[in-house]
Every structure is written in C-alpha cells, then in structure tokens.
Amino acid sequence: MDLRVIKTRDSLNKALVELLRDKPLTKITVTELCRMAQINRSTYYLHYRDPYDQYDKLEQTLYQEFADTIDGFIEAHSHWFTDLISASRDAQTRLLEELFSYIKKNALIYGSILPMHQGNELLDKLYKAGHDRFFQTIIPEVSPEEIERLEYFFAFVASGSMGVLRQWVERGMVESPKEMSHMVIRLVHDGPRFIGG
C-alpha cells in the first residue's frame, strides 16, 4: 500500500479515535474528521463513505491484528495446546501476555472504543477470533466429547478474560501486560483464593 495512503488513513483514524473519546459515533461528522486530520473532504471520500464506514474498517483492522497475534503465537509455540491441557501456566501466561501487550500497544484506540456501546461488538469479534483459531488448531487432536468440554472451557476463560480486559482498559491500563496475564491465570486456577493474595 502507498505510504501516503497509510499516513492519510492513520491520521483519519487518530482523529476518529480522539473524537470517540468525547462523543458517540452518531455525532461525528466528516467535516470534524477532516479538520482534525488536516485533509480535505475529497481526500476523505477516496478512503471512506462516511464515519460509519471508517469505523467498520478500523474495527476490521483491529480484528485482523488480534487474530494475527494469536496466529503468531500458535506458529511460534508448536506444543501450546499440549501445554495448555496439561495445565502448564507458562503456556497460558505467554499467550495472555502477548494479547495484553497487543492491547496496550493500541491503548489509545482500545481506550476509546471499549467504553462505548460499540465496544461490546468489538469484544464479540475478538472473542470469535480467539475461538476460531483455538478450535481450528485443536480439532484434529481431540475427540468429539473433549470438544464439547473445551467449548465450555473456552467460554469460561475467554469471557472472564474479556471482562478483565475491559476493566483494565477502563482503569487506564495501570498494570503491565505481564501482571495482567498472571492475574487472569491466578483467577482461572485459584478462583476465590486469588482475592486473599
């Protein structure tokens, strides 16, 4: 992709994210976006139809980057599933740390989107990205009975992790990705005992 196109879209997305901090998507205009990004309207329309189209494309990009992060982890750690089902906290912690690091790297975007109503839709898409990759990888390795139990396991861990993620983002991402990954693992393995430290 042309570097100018990348820079223009980056400027427009920064403007969109900045505006989302103060108002809902329904109140954002092309004029505001162009003014903040310092581009003209005709350039805007070369890239997007309207702010909704722009938001949808930004969300697609976030989904793809999140999915790529998971794919990269799976490729780099060939025994990740064996480690996971053997209750190896190391494999679980490494994956979560990579995902929390990805979110922190994009703190401005996630910090603006997750508190909004659309944040639920984005979390649903990220959940689906994790689910699809998890099950595409493990289906050849497990029985149909195990798949059913793993569906429940995934729903439990992923839903809880998404709740923790939202809380972390809304609190300003004070803790490091490493601290957050350890916290989630302790919550999963230790449950209420985690509260006592």
Foldseek 3Di string as FASTA:
>chain_A
DDPVVVLLLVLLVLQLLVVLQPDPLVPDWLVSSCVSSVHDSVVVVVPAPISVRSVVVVLVVVLVVLLVLQVVLCVVDVCLVVCVVVVNLVSQLVSQLSNLVVCVVVLSNLLSQCVDPCVVVSLVSSLVSVVVVVCVVCVVPDDPVVVVVVVVVSCVLSVVLSVLSSVCSPVPVPDHSSVSSVLSSCCVPVNPVSVVD
